[in-house]
Amino acid sequence: MGTDSGNVARMRAFVEQVHEGSRVELIDDFVHPDFRNRSAKNGLPDDRRSVAAVTRALHTAFAGLKVEIVHCVDTDDVVATHKIYRGRHVGEWLGTPPSGRGVEFRVMDFVRMRDGQFVEHWSVLGPLQ
């Protein structure tokens, strides 16, 4: 198990550039064409398109979005990431109307990687706090 493997570095770059930075144009660099999101929510697609949809939804729902990586480790071809997302809740998020206040929620992701790209994803999202 490691914290500085190539897969961990790829995950950290993805979180920083795509999720926090909203650079959806980079998704094809990180996500394999055969990607499957095993935790797709609210009728979102379960393929690579879901990554862009979630990224856009995050930035619509949370102004000033920041993502703190608490833990990011890998074993074999799976990267596990524990993150805290923070921002001002200005748009609907998973059915919750905007509150206008600063919020945070935790996410635990597991991503199976192949050749430096994400091929499968599972996640558990904590409640808005």
C-alpha atoms as a PDB file:
ATOM      1  CA  MET A   1       0.000   0.000   0.000  1.00  0.00           C
ATOM      2  CA  GLY A   2       1.371   3.407  -0.860  1.00  0.00           C
ATOM      3  CA  THR A   3       0.710   7.116  -0.755  1.00  0.00           C
ATOM      4  CA  ASP A   4       3.049   8.304  -3.487  1.00  0.00           C
ATOM      5  CA  SER A   5       2.468   5.886  -6.359  1.00  0.00           C
ATOM      6  CA  GLY A   6       1.684   7.010  -9.876  1.00  0.00           C
ATOM      7  CA  ASN A   7      -1.989   6.171  -9.326  1.00  0.00           C
ATOM      8  CA  VAL A   8      -2.127   8.286  -6.170  1.00  0.00           C
ATOM      9  CA  ALA A   9      -0.447  11.179  -7.986  1.00  0.00           C
ATOM     10  CA  ARG A  10      -3.007  10.851 -10.813  1.00  0.00           C
ATOM     11  CA  MET A  11      -5.871  10.923  -8.310  1.00  0.00           C
ATOM     12  CA  ARG A  12      -4.490  13.984  -6.543  1.00  0.00           C
ATOM     13  CA  ALA A  13      -4.077  15.763  -9.887  1.00  0.00           C
ATOM     14  CA  PHE A  14      -7.638  14.847 -10.877  1.00  0.00           C
ATOM     15  CA  VAL A  15      -9.105  16.173  -7.621  1.00  0.00           C
ATOM     16  CA  GLU A  16      -7.123  19.401  -7.874  1.00  0.00           C
ATOM     17  CA  GLN A  17      -7.601  20.091 -11.575  1.00  0.00           C
ATOM     18  CA  VAL A  18     -11.027  18.598 -12.347  1.00  0.00           C
ATOM     19  CA  HIS A  19     -13.131  18.515  -9.190  1.00  0.00           C
ATOM     20  CA  GLU A  20     -11.743  21.592  -7.462  1.00  0.00           C
ATOM     21  CA  GLY A  21     -10.593  23.420 -10.605  1.00  0.00           C
ATOM     22  CA  SER A  22     -13.665  22.542 -12.719  1.00  0.00           C
ATOM     23  CA  ARG A  23     -11.466  21.683 -15.722  1.00  0.00           C
ATOM     24  CA  VAL A  24     -13.915  19.275 -17.359  1.00  0.00           C
ATOM     25  CA  GLU A  25     -11.877  19.443 -20.577  1.00  0.00           C
ATOM     26  CA  LEU A  26      -9.260  17.274 -18.821  1.00  0.00           C
ATOM     27  CA  ILE A  27     -11.640  14.398 -18.041  1.00  0.00           C
ATOM     28  CA  ASP A  28     -10.640  12.377 -21.102  1.00  0.00           C
ATOM     29  CA  ASP A  29      -7.019  12.493 -19.870  1.00  0.00           C
ATOM     30  CA  PHE A  30      -7.980  10.928 -16.539  1.00  0.00           C
ATOM     31  CA  VAL A  31     -11.009   8.737 -17.294  1.00  0.00           C
ATOM     32  CA  HIS A  32     -10.943   5.686 -19.568  1.00  0.00           C
ATOM     33  CA  PRO A  33     -13.582   5.471 -22.339  1.00  0.00           C
ATOM     34  CA  ASP A  34     -14.933   2.238 -20.758  1.00  0.00           C
ATOM     35  CA  PHE A  35     -15.317   3.888 -17.309  1.00  0.00           C
ATOM     36  CA  ARG A  36     -18.225   2.819 -15.089  1.00  0.00           C
ATOM     37  CA  ASN A  37     -19.482   4.818 -12.122  1.00  0.00           C
ATOM     38  CA  ARG A  38     -20.956   2.173  -9.819  1.00  0.00           C
ATOM     39  CA  SER A  39     -22.346   4.917  -7.532  1.00  0.00           C
ATOM     40  CA  ALA A  40     -24.113   7.120 -10.110  1.00  0.00           C
ATOM     41  CA  LYS A  41     -26.817   9.197  -8.409  1.00  0.00           C
ATOM     42  CA  ASN A  42     -30.176  10.695  -9.383  1.00  0.00           C
ATOM     43  CA  GLY A  43     -30.385   9.305 -12.895  1.00  0.00           C
ATOM     44  CA  LEU A  44     -26.916  10.472 -13.939  1.00  0.00           C
ATOM     45  CA  PRO A  45     -25.191   8.356 -16.559  1.00  0.00           C
ATOM     46  CA  ASP A  46     -22.844   5.678 -15.247  1.00  0.00           C
ATOM     47  CA  ASP A  47     -20.201   6.206 -17.928  1.00  0.00           C
ATOM     48  CA  ARG A  48     -17.488   8.823 -18.456  1.00  0.00           C
ATOM     49  CA  ARG A  49     -20.162  11.497 -18.975  1.00  0.00           C
ATOM     50  CA  SER A  50     -21.057  11.169 -15.278  1.00  0.00           C
ATOM     51  CA  VAL A  51     -17.679  12.628 -14.277  1.00  0.00           C
ATOM     52  CA  ALA A  52     -18.388  15.866 -16.147  1.00  0.00           C
ATOM     53  CA  ALA A  53     -21.977  15.937 -14.855  1.00  0.00           C
ATOM     54  CA  VAL A  54     -20.848  15.586 -11.227  1.00  0.00           C
ATOM     55  CA  THR A  55     -18.118  18.192 -11.669  1.00  0.00           C
ATOM     56  CA  ARG A  56     -20.575  20.695 -13.144  1.00  0.00           C
ATOM     57  CA  ALA A  57     -23.131  19.920 -10.422  1.00  0.00           C
ATOM     58  CA  LEU A  58     -20.522  20.532  -7.711  1.00  0.00           C
ATOM     59  CA  HIS A  59     -19.622  23.939  -9.103  1.00  0.00           C
ATOM     60  CA  THR A  60     -23.274  24.889  -9.617  1.00  0.00           C
ATOM     61  CA  ALA A  61     -24.157  23.906  -6.057  1.00  0.00           C
ATOM     62  CA  PHE A  62     -21.092  25.231  -4.191  1.00  0.00           C
ATOM     63  CA  ALA A  63     -19.485  28.626  -4.690  1.00  0.00           C
ATOM     64  CA  GLY A  64     -15.789  28.774  -3.878  1.00  0.00           C
ATOM     65  CA  LEU A  65     -15.510  24.981  -3.864  1.00  0.00           C
ATOM     66  CA  LYS A  66     -12.405  23.641  -2.128  1.00  0.00           C
ATOM     67  CA  VAL A  67     -11.504  19.976  -1.782  1.00  0.00           C
ATOM     68  CA  GLU A  68      -9.234  18.740   0.995  1.00  0.00           C
ATOM     69  CA  ILE A  69      -7.689  15.321   0.490  1.00  0.00           C
ATOM     70  CA  VAL A  70      -7.507  13.794   3.954  1.00  0.00           C
ATOM     71  CA  HIS A  71      -6.221  10.372   2.848  1.00  0.00           C
ATOM     72  CA  CYS A  72      -5.225   9.008  -0.553  1.00  0.00           C
ATOM     73  CA  VAL A  73      -3.714   5.534  -0.703  1.00  0.00           C
ATOM     74  CA  ASP A  74      -3.558   2.682  -3.146  1.00  0.00           C
ATOM     75  CA  THR A  75      -3.248  -1.042  -3.240  1.00  0.00           C
ATOM     76  CA  ASP A  76      -2.696  -2.862  -6.495  1.00  0.00           C
ATOM     77  CA  ASP A  77      -4.968  -1.088  -8.991  1.00  0.00           C
ATOM     78  CA  VAL A  78      -7.387   0.626  -6.554  1.00  0.00           C
ATOM     79  CA  VAL A  79      -6.986   4.129  -5.114  1.00  0.00           C
ATOM     80  CA  ALA A  80      -8.960   5.017  -1.972  1.00  0.00           C
ATOM     81  CA  THR A  81      -9.518   8.691  -1.258  1.00  0.00           C
ATOM     82  CA  HIS A  82     -11.137  10.354   1.760  1.00  0.00           C
ATOM     83  CA  LYS A  83     -11.970  13.979   0.947  1.00  0.00           C
ATOM     84  CA  ILE A  84     -13.778  16.945   2.448  1.00  0.00           C
ATOM     85  CA  TYR A  85     -15.624  19.234   0.037  1.00  0.00           C
ATOM     86  CA  ARG A  86     -16.318  22.777   1.262  1.00  0.00           C
ATOM     87  CA  GLY A  87     -18.111  25.750  -0.237  1.00  0.00           C
ATOM     88  CA  ARG A  88     -21.075  28.091   0.030  1.00  0.00           C
ATOM     89  CA  HIS A  89     -24.275  26.198  -0.812  1.00  0.00           C
ATOM     90  CA  VAL A  90     -25.768  28.307  -3.627  1.00  0.00           C
ATOM     91  CA  GLY A  91     -27.507  25.677  -5.777  1.00  0.00           C
ATOM     92  CA  GLU A  92     -29.370  22.402  -5.395  1.00  0.00           C
ATOM     93  CA  TRP A  93     -27.230  19.422  -4.404  1.00  0.00           C
ATOM     94  CA  LEU A  94     -28.684  15.907  -4.677  1.00  0.00           C
ATOM     95  CA  GLY A  95     -32.178  17.202  -4.028  1.00  0.00           C
ATOM     96  CA  THR A  96     -31.208  19.580  -1.202  1.00  0.00           C
ATOM     97  CA  PRO A  97     -32.147  23.189  -1.956  1.00  0.00           C
ATOM     98  CA  PRO A  98     -29.476  25.875  -1.510  1.00  0.00           C
ATOM     99  CA  SER A  99     -29.034  27.257   1.996  1.00  0.00           C
ATOM    100  CA  GLY A 100     -26.656  30.114   1.168  1.00  0.00           C
ATOM    101  CA  ARG A 101     -24.393  29.079   4.026  1.00  0.00           C
ATOM    102  CA  GLY A 102     -20.939  27.565   4.140  1.00  0.00           C
ATOM    103  CA  VAL A 103     -21.141  23.778   4.202  1.00  0.00           C
ATOM    104  CA  GLU A 104     -18.950  20.746   4.004  1.00  0.00           C
ATOM    105  CA  PHE A 105     -19.435  17.083   3.259  1.00  0.00           C
ATOM    106  CA  ARG A 106     -17.143  14.083   3.244  1.00  0.00           C
ATOM    107  CA  VAL A 107     -16.621  11.625   0.429  1.00  0.00           C
ATOM    108  CA  MET A 108     -14.921   8.251   0.368  1.00  0.00           C
ATOM    109  CA  ASP A 109     -14.040   7.115  -3.157  1.00  0.00           C
ATOM    110  CA  PHE A 110     -12.595   3.898  -4.498  1.00  0.00           C
ATOM    111  CA  VAL A 111     -11.316   4.038  -8.062  1.00  0.00           C
ATOM    112  CA  ARG A 112      -9.931   1.128 -10.021  1.00  0.00           C
ATOM    113  CA  MET A 113      -7.210   2.261 -12.412  1.00  0.00           C
ATOM    114  CA  ARG A 114      -5.743   0.880 -15.594  1.00  0.00           C
ATOM    115  CA  ASP A 115      -2.782   2.466 -17.393  1.00  0.00           C
ATOM    116  CA  GLY A 116      -3.142   5.674 -15.360  1.00  0.00           C
ATOM    117  CA  GLN A 117      -6.843   6.119 -16.100  1.00  0.00           C
ATOM    118  CA  PHE A 118      -9.964   5.584 -13.996  1.00  0.00           C
ATOM    119  CA  VAL A 119     -11.974   2.557 -15.136  1.00  0.00           C
ATOM    120  CA  GLU A 120     -14.369   1.972 -12.236  1.00  0.00           C
ATOM    121  CA  HIS A 121     -15.644   4.094  -9.344  1.00  0.00           C
ATOM    122  CA  TRP A 122     -17.542   3.582  -6.079  1.00  0.00           C
ATOM    123  CA  SER A 123     -18.284   6.273  -3.503  1.00  0.00           C
ATOM    124  CA  VAL A 124     -20.002   7.024  -0.236  1.00  0.00           C
ATOM    125  CA  LEU A 125     -21.121  10.621   0.364  1.00  0.00           C
ATOM    126  CA  GLY A 126     -21.702  12.047   3.790  1.00  0.00           C
ATOM    127  CA  PRO A 127     -24.458  14.552   4.578  1.00  0.00           C
ATOM    128  CA  LEU A 128     -24.114  18.309   4.160  1.00  0.00           C
ATOM    129  CA  GLN A 129     -22.987  19.863   7.410  1.00  0.00           C
END
